[in-house]
Amino acid sequence: MSLENYMLPCLSKTLFGFECMGCGFQRSLLLIWKGQFIEAFYMYAAIYPLLVLSAYIIITRFYKFKNYKKGINLMSILSITTIILSYTIKHL
């Protein structure tokens, strides 16, 4: 049985008929799992900034750097900007 059978459906797309800003995240993770890194980027461009942010947050739970909060803030802004830009470009 494939992992695709266990993916959650997009509530926004199901109820209202349009994709949300997170549509494609699960499929993109699955593509990374399969080793299809470029396809994962095209599926959901914010996947890599979000993965870096997640890894950084996990690392800072164990090792506190001097300005780790600034790093989290900068990576969060980068991730949010990437999400908004890719969503806007997709719907133009």
PDB file of N, CA and C in Angstrom:
ATOM      1  N   MET A   1       0.840  -1.185   0.000  1.00  0.00           N
ATOM      2  CA  MET A   1       0.000   0.000   0.000  1.00  0.00           C
ATOM      3  C   MET A   1       0.887   1.252   0.000  1.00  0.00           C
ATOM      4  N   SER A   2       0.508   2.253  -0.724  1.00  0.00           N
ATOM      5  CA  SER A   2       1.295   3.462  -0.907  1.00  0.00           C
ATOM      6  C   SER A   2       1.013   4.479   0.193  1.00  0.00           C
ATOM      7  N   LEU A   3       2.013   5.313   0.466  1.00  0.00           N
ATOM      8  CA  LEU A   3       1.832   6.392   1.444  1.00  0.00           C
ATOM      9  C   LEU A   3       0.813   7.428   0.971  1.00  0.00           C
ATOM     10  N   GLU A   4       0.626   7.516  -0.322  1.00  0.00           N
ATOM     11  CA  GLU A   4      -0.328   8.481  -0.873  1.00  0.00           C
ATOM     12  C   GLU A   4      -1.756   8.207  -0.398  1.00  0.00           C
ATOM     13  N   ASN A   5      -2.042   6.978  -0.039  1.00  0.00           N
ATOM     14  CA  ASN A   5      -3.375   6.631   0.451  1.00  0.00           C
ATOM     15  C   ASN A   5      -3.651   7.209   1.827  1.00  0.00           C
ATOM     16  N   TYR A   6      -2.605   7.618   2.543  1.00  0.00           N
ATOM     17  CA  TYR A   6      -2.759   8.129   3.903  1.00  0.00           C
ATOM     18  C   TYR A   6      -2.661   9.639   3.996  1.00  0.00           C
ATOM     19  N   MET A   7      -2.581  10.325   2.872  1.00  0.00           N
ATOM     20  CA  MET A   7      -2.479  11.781   2.886  1.00  0.00           C
ATOM     21  C   MET A   7      -3.813  12.414   3.256  1.00  0.00           C
ATOM     22  N   LEU A   8      -3.725  13.498   4.000  1.00  0.00           N
ATOM     23  CA  LEU A   8      -4.919  14.242   4.386  1.00  0.00           C
ATOM     24  C   LEU A   8      -5.391  15.101   3.216  1.00  0.00           C
ATOM     25  N   PRO A   9      -6.688  15.165   2.962  1.00  0.00           N
ATOM     26  CA  PRO A   9      -7.173  16.033   1.883  1.00  0.00           C
ATOM     27  C   PRO A   9      -7.159  17.495   2.332  1.00  0.00           C
ATOM     28  N   CYS A  10      -7.004  18.395   1.386  1.00  0.00           N
ATOM     29  CA  CYS A  10      -7.036  19.826   1.689  1.00  0.00           C
ATOM     30  C   CYS A  10      -8.479  20.239   1.964  1.00  0.00           C
ATOM     31  N   LEU A  11      -8.715  20.748   3.141  1.00  0.00           N
ATOM     32  CA  LEU A  11     -10.064  21.154   3.529  1.00  0.00           C
ATOM     33  C   LEU A  11     -10.550  22.325   2.686  1.00  0.00           C
ATOM     34  N   SER A  12      -9.657  23.277   2.408  1.00  0.00           N
ATOM     35  CA  SER A  12     -10.014  24.435   1.593  1.00  0.00           C
ATOM     36  C   SER A  12     -10.406  24.015   0.181  1.00  0.00           C
ATOM     37  N   LYS A  13      -9.620  23.112  -0.390  1.00  0.00           N
ATOM     38  CA  LYS A  13      -9.911  22.660  -1.753  1.00  0.00           C
ATOM     39  C   LYS A  13     -11.190  21.824  -1.790  1.00  0.00           C
ATOM     40  N   THR A  14     -11.401  21.018  -0.762  1.00  0.00           N
ATOM     41  CA  THR A  14     -12.584  20.172  -0.706  1.00  0.00           C
ATOM     42  C   THR A  14     -13.854  20.996  -0.543  1.00  0.00           C
ATOM     43  N   LEU A  15     -13.838  21.970   0.360  1.00  0.00           N
ATOM     44  CA  LEU A  15     -15.038  22.749   0.654  1.00  0.00           C
ATOM     45  C   LEU A  15     -15.279  23.897  -0.312  1.00  0.00           C
ATOM     46  N   PHE A  16     -14.197  24.602  -0.690  1.00  0.00           N
ATOM     47  CA  PHE A  16     -14.375  25.833  -1.462  1.00  0.00           C
ATOM     48  C   PHE A  16     -13.879  25.744  -2.899  1.00  0.00           C
ATOM     49  N   GLY A  17     -13.126  24.702  -3.223  1.00  0.00           N
ATOM     50  CA  GLY A  17     -12.702  24.508  -4.594  1.00  0.00           C
ATOM     51  C   GLY A  17     -11.410  25.195  -4.987  1.00  0.00           C
ATOM     52  N   PHE A  18     -10.684  25.807  -4.036  1.00  0.00           N
ATOM     53  CA  PHE A  18      -9.396  26.402  -4.379  1.00  0.00           C
ATOM     54  C   PHE A  18      -8.338  25.965  -3.376  1.00  0.00           C
ATOM     55  N   GLU A  19      -7.107  25.948  -3.855  1.00  0.00           N
ATOM     56  CA  GLU A  19      -6.002  25.466  -3.031  1.00  0.00           C
ATOM     57  C   GLU A  19      -5.623  26.484  -1.963  1.00  0.00           C
ATOM     58  N   CYS A  20      -5.187  25.979  -0.829  1.00  0.00           N
ATOM     59  CA  CYS A  20      -4.683  26.845   0.235  1.00  0.00           C
ATOM     60  C   CYS A  20      -3.184  27.046   0.045  1.00  0.00           C
ATOM     61  N   MET A  21      -2.553  27.815   0.917  1.00  0.00           N
ATOM     62  CA  MET A  21      -1.120  28.080   0.798  1.00  0.00           C
ATOM     63  C   MET A  21      -0.274  26.878   1.201  1.00  0.00           C
ATOM     64  N   GLY A  22      -0.885  25.861   1.761  1.00  0.00           N
ATOM     65  CA  GLY A  22      -0.152  24.668   2.160  1.00  0.00           C
ATOM     66  C   GLY A  22      -0.349  23.495   1.224  1.00  0.00           C
ATOM     67  N   CYS A  23      -1.173  23.672   0.208  1.00  0.00           N
ATOM     68  CA  CYS A  23      -1.418  22.581  -0.731  1.00  0.00           C
ATOM     69  C   CYS A  23      -0.129  22.187  -1.439  1.00  0.00           C
ATOM     70  N   GLY A  24       0.152  20.919  -1.417  1.00  0.00           N
ATOM     71  CA  GLY A  24       1.343  20.397  -2.053  1.00  0.00           C
ATOM     72  C   GLY A  24       2.427  20.025  -1.062  1.00  0.00           C
ATOM     73  N   PHE A  25       2.291  20.414   0.206  1.00  0.00           N
ATOM     74  CA  PHE A  25       3.329  20.133   1.200  1.00  0.00           C
ATOM     75  C   PHE A  25       3.507  18.634   1.426  1.00  0.00           C
ATOM     76  N   GLN A  26       2.406  17.921   1.623  1.00  0.00           N
ATOM     77  CA  GLN A  26       2.501  16.477   1.854  1.00  0.00           C
ATOM     78  C   GLN A  26       3.076  15.744   0.644  1.00  0.00           C
ATOM     79  N   ARG A  27       2.603  16.110  -0.529  1.00  0.00           N
ATOM     80  CA  ARG A  27       3.108  15.471  -1.746  1.00  0.00           C
ATOM     81  C   ARG A  27       4.582  15.792  -1.957  1.00  0.00           C
ATOM     82  N   SER A  28       4.978  17.016  -1.594  1.00  0.00           N
ATOM     83  CA  SER A  28       6.372  17.407  -1.715  1.00  0.00           C
ATOM     84  C   SER A  28       7.257  16.613  -0.755  1.00  0.00           C
ATOM     85  N   LEU A  29       6.796  16.404   0.463  1.00  0.00           N
ATOM     86  CA  LEU A  29       7.541  15.566   1.406  1.00  0.00           C
ATOM     87  C   LEU A  29       7.693  14.143   0.879  1.00  0.00           C
ATOM     88  N   LEU A  30       6.640  13.639   0.285  1.00  0.00           N
ATOM     89  CA  LEU A  30       6.690  12.295  -0.285  1.00  0.00           C
ATOM     90  C   LEU A  30       7.694  12.230  -1.436  1.00  0.00           C
ATOM     91  N   LEU A  31       7.748  13.276  -2.252  1.00  0.00           N
ATOM     92  CA  LEU A  31       8.714  13.317  -3.351  1.00  0.00           C
ATOM     93  C   LEU A  31      10.147  13.365  -2.825  1.00  0.00           C
ATOM     94  N   ILE A  32      10.372  14.097  -1.742  1.00  0.00           N
ATOM     95  CA  ILE A  32      11.702  14.109  -1.132  1.00  0.00           C
ATOM     96  C   ILE A  32      12.039  12.720  -0.610  1.00  0.00           C
ATOM     97  N   TRP A  33      11.074  12.073   0.008  1.00  0.00           N
ATOM     98  CA  TRP A  33      11.272  10.712   0.523  1.00  0.00           C
ATOM     99  C   TRP A  33      11.674   9.757  -0.606  1.00  0.00           C
ATOM    100  N   LYS A  34      11.112   9.992  -1.794  1.00  0.00           N
ATOM    101  CA  LYS A  34      11.427   9.148  -2.952  1.00  0.00           C
ATOM    102  C   LYS A  34      12.708   9.581  -3.658  1.00  0.00           C
ATOM    103  N   GLY A  35      13.309  10.699  -3.230  1.00  0.00           N
ATOM    104  CA  GLY A  35      14.543  11.171  -3.835  1.00  0.00           C
ATOM    105  C   GLY A  35      14.356  12.083  -5.025  1.00  0.00           C
ATOM    106  N   GLN A  36      13.162  12.552  -5.254  1.00  0.00           N
ATOM    107  CA  GLN A  36      12.860  13.433  -6.385  1.00  0.00           C
ATOM    108  C   GLN A  36      12.864  14.881  -5.891  1.00  0.00           C
ATOM    109  N   PHE A  37      14.063  15.434  -5.703  1.00  0.00           N
ATOM    110  CA  PHE A  37      14.220  16.719  -5.037  1.00  0.00           C
ATOM    111  C   PHE A  37      13.750  17.905  -5.881  1.00  0.00           C
ATOM    112  N   ILE A  38      14.021  17.876  -7.156  1.00  0.00           N
ATOM    113  CA  ILE A  38      13.593  18.985  -8.023  1.00  0.00           C
ATOM    114  C   ILE A  38      12.076  18.986  -8.163  1.00  0.00           C
ATOM    115  N   GLU A  39      11.473  17.814  -8.335  1.00  0.00           N
ATOM    116  CA  GLU A  39      10.025  17.704  -8.429  1.00  0.00           C
ATOM    117  C   GLU A  39       9.365  18.181  -7.136  1.00  0.00           C
ATOM    118  N   ALA A  40      10.015  17.913  -5.994  1.00  0.00           N
ATOM    119  CA  ALA A  40       9.486  18.371  -4.699  1.00  0.00           C
ATOM    120  C   ALA A  40       9.460  19.892  -4.645  1.00  0.00           C
ATOM    121  N   PHE A  41      10.503  20.527  -5.181  1.00  0.00           N
ATOM    122  CA  PHE A  41      10.532  21.985  -5.208  1.00  0.00           C
ATOM    123  C   PHE A  41       9.419  22.542  -6.086  1.00  0.00           C
ATOM    124  N   TYR A  42       9.217  21.937  -7.247  1.00  0.00           N
ATOM    125  CA  TYR A  42       8.152  22.412  -8.133  1.00  0.00           C
ATOM    126  C   TYR A  42       6.765  22.156  -7.551  1.00  0.00           C
ATOM    127  N   MET A  43       6.619  21.111  -6.771  1.00  0.00           N
ATOM    128  CA  MET A  43       5.336  20.816  -6.139  1.00  0.00           C
ATOM    129  C   MET A  43       5.011  21.850  -5.065  1.00  0.00           C
ATOM    130  N   TYR A  44       6.022  22.181  -4.237  1.00  0.00           N
ATOM    131  CA  TYR A  44       5.814  23.126  -3.134  1.00  0.00           C
ATOM    132  C   TYR A  44       7.149  23.802  -2.853  1.00  0.00           C
ATOM    133  N   ALA A  45       7.316  25.002  -3.352  1.00  0.00           N
ATOM    134  CA  ALA A  45       8.612  25.688  -3.313  1.00  0.00           C
ATOM    135  C   ALA A  45       9.104  25.972  -1.901  1.00  0.00           C
ATOM    136  N   ALA A  46       8.225  26.073  -0.948  1.00  0.00           N
ATOM    137  CA  ALA A  46       8.632  26.415   0.418  1.00  0.00           C
ATOM    138  C   ALA A  46       9.088  25.200   1.221  1.00  0.00           C
ATOM    139  N   ILE A  47       9.152  24.037   0.602  1.00  0.00           N
ATOM    140  CA  ILE A  47       9.504  22.827   1.335  1.00  0.00           C
ATOM    141  C   ILE A  47      10.908  22.923   1.929  1.00  0.00           C
ATOM    142  N   TYR A  48      11.861  23.434   1.195  1.00  0.00           N
ATOM    143  CA  TYR A  48      13.239  23.473   1.684  1.00  0.00           C
ATOM    144  C   TYR A  48      13.448  24.518   2.777  1.00  0.00           C
ATOM    145  N   PRO A  49      12.934  25.748   2.650  1.00  0.00           N
ATOM    146  CA  PRO A  49      13.046  26.671   3.790  1.00  0.00           C
ATOM    147  C   PRO A  49      12.339  26.145   5.043  1.00  0.00           C
ATOM    148  N   LEU A  50      11.222  25.461   4.860  1.00  0.00           N
ATOM    149  CA  LEU A  50      10.518  24.916   6.016  1.00  0.00           C
ATOM    150  C   LEU A  50      11.285  23.766   6.662  1.00  0.00           C
ATOM    151  N   LEU A  51      11.924  22.930   5.870  1.00  0.00           N
ATOM    152  CA  LEU A  51      12.732  21.845   6.421  1.00  0.00           C
ATOM    153  C   LEU A  51      13.960  22.384   7.162  1.00  0.00           C
ATOM    154  N   VAL A  52      14.592  23.410   6.601  1.00  0.00           N
ATOM    155  CA  VAL A  52      15.736  24.024   7.272  1.00  0.00           C
ATOM    156  C   VAL A  52      15.288  24.665   8.584  1.00  0.00           C
ATOM    157  N   LEU A  53      14.171  25.364   8.562  1.00  0.00           N
ATOM    158  CA  LEU A  53      13.628  25.977   9.777  1.00  0.00           C
ATOM    159  C   LEU A  53      13.321  24.914  10.829  1.00  0.00           C
ATOM    160  N   SER A  54      12.701  23.837  10.425  1.00  0.00           N
ATOM    161  CA  SER A  54      12.371  22.754  11.363  1.00  0.00           C
ATOM    162  C   SER A  54      13.639  22.149  11.970  1.00  0.00           C
ATOM    163  N   ALA A  55      14.631  21.899  11.147  1.00  0.00           N
ATOM    164  CA  ALA A  55      15.893  21.335  11.644  1.00  0.00           C
ATOM    165  C   ALA A  55      16.568  22.305  12.606  1.00  0.00           C
ATOM    166  N   TYR A  56      16.550  23.590  12.287  1.00  0.00           N
ATOM    167  CA  TYR A  56      17.165  24.600  13.144  1.00  0.00           C
ATOM    168  C   TYR A  56      16.458  24.676  14.493  1.00  0.00           C
ATOM    169  N   ILE A  57      15.144  24.617  14.480  1.00  0.00           N
ATOM    170  CA  ILE A  57      14.390  24.654  15.731  1.00  0.00           C
ATOM    171  C   ILE A  57      14.705  23.428  16.585  1.00  0.00           C
ATOM    172  N   ILE A  58      14.785  22.275  15.961  1.00  0.00           N
ATOM    173  CA  ILE A  58      15.117  21.044  16.707  1.00  0.00           C
ATOM    174  C   ILE A  58      16.526  21.143  17.289  1.00  0.00           C
ATOM    175  N   ILE A  59      17.481  21.638  16.513  1.00  0.00           N
ATOM    176  CA  ILE A  59      18.861  21.765  16.997  1.00  0.00           C
ATOM    177  C   ILE A  59      18.938  22.745  18.164  1.00  0.00           C
ATOM    178  N   THR A  60      18.208  23.870  18.059  1.00  0.00           N
ATOM    179  CA  THR A  60      18.279  24.868  19.134  1.00  0.00           C
ATOM    180  C   THR A  60      17.558  24.419  20.402  1.00  0.00           C
ATOM    181  N   ARG A  61      16.810  23.352  20.341  1.00  0.00           N
ATOM    182  CA  ARG A  61      16.241  22.782  21.568  1.00  0.00           C
ATOM    183  C   ARG A  61      17.327  22.162  22.426  1.00  0.00           C
ATOM    184  N   PHE A  62      18.385  21.684  21.783  1.00  0.00           N
ATOM    185  CA  PHE A  62      19.467  21.019  22.498  1.00  0.00           C
ATOM    186  C   PHE A  62      20.687  21.912  22.685  1.00  0.00           C
ATOM    187  N   TYR A  63      20.989  22.757  21.687  1.00  0.00           N
ATOM    188  CA  TYR A  63      22.151  23.630  21.735  1.00  0.00           C
ATOM    189  C   TYR A  63      21.698  25.064  21.510  1.00  0.00           C
ATOM    190  N   LYS A  64      21.803  25.886  22.535  1.00  0.00           N
ATOM    191  CA  LYS A  64      21.402  27.290  22.415  1.00  0.00           C
ATOM    192  C   LYS A  64      22.563  28.114  21.879  1.00  0.00           C
ATOM    193  N   PHE A  65      22.389  28.684  20.711  1.00  0.00           N
ATOM    194  CA  PHE A  65      23.388  29.576  20.142  1.00  0.00           C
ATOM    195  C   PHE A  65      23.173  30.969  20.701  1.00  0.00           C
ATOM    196  N   LYS A  66      24.132  31.850  20.460  1.00  0.00           N
ATOM    197  CA  LYS A  66      24.065  33.195  21.028  1.00  0.00           C
ATOM    198  C   LYS A  66      22.812  33.940  20.562  1.00  0.00           C
ATOM    199  N   ASN A  67      22.586  33.986  19.275  1.00  0.00           N
ATOM    200  CA  ASN A  67      21.432  34.711  18.718  1.00  0.00           C
ATOM    201  C   ASN A  67      20.490  33.754  17.988  1.00  0.00           C
ATOM    202  N   TYR A  68      20.160  32.653  18.629  1.00  0.00           N
ATOM    203  CA  TYR A  68      19.351  31.636  17.941  1.00  0.00           C
ATOM    204  C   TYR A  68      17.944  32.133  17.628  1.00  0.00           C
ATOM    205  N   LYS A  69      17.410  33.051  18.438  1.00  0.00           N
ATOM    206  CA  LYS A  69      16.059  33.567  18.175  1.00  0.00           C
ATOM    207  C   LYS A  69      16.028  34.407  16.898  1.00  0.00           C
ATOM    208  N   LYS A  70      17.104  35.140  16.629  1.00  0.00           N
ATOM    209  CA  LYS A  70      17.177  35.906  15.378  1.00  0.00           C
ATOM    210  C   LYS A  70      17.192  34.966  14.179  1.00  0.00           C
ATOM    211  N   GLY A  71      17.910  33.848  14.319  1.00  0.00           N
ATOM    212  CA  GLY A  71      17.952  32.866  13.243  1.00  0.00           C
ATOM    213  C   GLY A  71      16.587  32.271  12.977  1.00  0.00           C
ATOM    214  N   ILE A  72      15.864  31.960  14.041  1.00  0.00           N
ATOM    215  CA  ILE A  72      14.509  31.424  13.884  1.00  0.00           C
ATOM    216  C   ILE A  72      13.609  32.454  13.219  1.00  0.00           C
ATOM    217  N   ASN A  73      13.723  33.707  13.650  1.00  0.00           N
ATOM    218  CA  ASN A  73      12.898  34.767  13.050  1.00  0.00           C
ATOM    219  C   ASN A  73      13.221  34.955  11.568  1.00  0.00           C
ATOM    220  N   LEU A  74      14.510  34.984  11.214  1.00  0.00           N
ATOM    221  CA  LEU A  74      14.886  35.175   9.809  1.00  0.00           C
ATOM    222  C   LEU A  74      14.424  34.012   8.940  1.00  0.00           C
ATOM    223  N   MET A  75      14.600  32.794   9.429  1.00  0.00           N
ATOM    224  CA  MET A  75      14.169  31.630   8.649  1.00  0.00           C
ATOM    225  C   MET A  75      12.649  31.558   8.552  1.00  0.00           C
ATOM    226  N   SER A  76      11.955  32.014   9.579  1.00  0.00           N
ATOM    227  CA  SER A  76      10.489  32.057   9.527  1.00  0.00           C
ATOM    228  C   SER A  76      10.017  33.055   8.480  1.00  0.00           C
ATOM    229  N   ILE A  77      10.651  34.229   8.459  1.00  0.00           N
ATOM    230  CA  ILE A  77      10.299  35.245   7.460  1.00  0.00           C
ATOM    231  C   ILE A  77      10.587  34.727   6.053  1.00  0.00           C
ATOM    232  N   LEU A  78      11.725  34.066   5.867  1.00  0.00           N
ATOM    233  CA  LEU A  78      12.062  33.492   4.564  1.00  0.00           C
ATOM    234  C   LEU A  78      11.030  32.442   4.142  1.00  0.00           C
ATOM    235  N   SER A  79      10.633  31.598   5.072  1.00  0.00           N
ATOM    236  CA  SER A  79       9.643  30.556   4.762  1.00  0.00           C
ATOM    237  C   SER A  79       8.291  31.159   4.405  1.00  0.00           C
ATOM    238  N   ILE A  80       7.837  32.115   5.197  1.00  0.00           N
ATOM    239  CA  ILE A  80       6.534  32.751   4.936  1.00  0.00           C
ATOM    240  C   ILE A  80       6.556  33.497   3.608  1.00  0.00           C
ATOM    241  N   THR A  81       7.655  34.199   3.331  1.00  0.00           N
ATOM    242  CA  THR A  81       7.779  34.918   2.059  1.00  0.00           C
ATOM    243  C   THR A  81       7.749  33.948   0.884  1.00  0.00           C
ATOM    244  N   THR A  82       8.445  32.828   1.020  1.00  0.00           N
ATOM    245  CA  THR A  82       8.456  31.825  -0.048  1.00  0.00           C
ATOM    246  C   THR A  82       7.063  31.248  -0.257  1.00  0.00           C
ATOM    247  N   ILE A  83       6.341  30.980   0.822  1.00  0.00           N
ATOM    248  CA  ILE A  83       4.979  30.444   0.716  1.00  0.00           C
ATOM    249  C   ILE A  83       4.082  31.426  -0.023  1.00  0.00           C
ATOM    250  N   ILE A  84       4.134  32.689   0.370  1.00  0.00           N
ATOM    251  CA  ILE A  84       3.257  33.703  -0.240  1.00  0.00           C
ATOM    252  C   ILE A  84       3.616  33.931  -1.709  1.00  0.00           C
ATOM    253  N   LEU A  85       4.910  34.029  -2.010  1.00  0.00           N
ATOM    254  CA  LEU A  85       5.324  34.252  -3.405  1.00  0.00           C
ATOM    255  C   LEU A  85       4.955  33.080  -4.300  1.00  0.00           C
ATOM    256  N   SER A  86       5.207  31.864  -3.843  1.00  0.00           N
ATOM    257  CA  SER A  86       4.891  30.713  -4.688  1.00  0.00           C
ATOM    258  C   SER A  86       3.379  30.565  -4.874  1.00  0.00           C
ATOM    259  N   TYR A  87       2.610  30.867  -3.845  1.00  0.00           N
ATOM    260  CA  TYR A  87       1.144  30.813  -3.959  1.00  0.00           C
ATOM    261  C   TYR A  87       0.656  31.856  -4.959  1.00  0.00           C
ATOM    262  N   THR A  88       1.221  33.061  -4.884  1.00  0.00           N
ATOM    263  CA  THR A  88       0.826  34.129  -5.800  1.00  0.00           C
ATOM    264  C   THR A  88       1.203  33.794  -7.238  1.00  0.00           C
ATOM    265  N   ILE A  89       2.415  33.291  -7.448  1.00  0.00           N
ATOM    266  CA  ILE A  89       2.868  32.950  -8.795  1.00  0.00           C
ATOM    267  C   ILE A  89       2.019  31.797  -9.360  1.00  0.00           C
ATOM    268  N   LYS A  90       1.673  30.827  -8.518  1.00  0.00           N
ATOM    269  CA  LYS A  90       0.881  29.687  -8.979  1.00  0.00           C
ATOM    270  C   LYS A  90      -0.501  30.108  -9.462  1.00  0.00           C
ATOM    271  N   HIS A  91      -1.049  31.157  -8.872  1.00  0.00           N
ATOM    272  CA  HIS A  91      -2.413  31.551  -9.204  1.00  0.00           C
ATOM    273  C   HIS A  91      -2.499  32.749 -10.143  1.00  0.00           C
ATOM    274  N   LEU A  92      -1.392  33.145 -10.741  1.00  0.00           N
ATOM    275  CA  LEU A  92      -1.433  34.244 -11.724  1.00  0.00           C
ATOM    276  C   LEU A  92      -1.733  33.726 -13.104  1.00  0.00           C
TER     277      LEU A  92
END
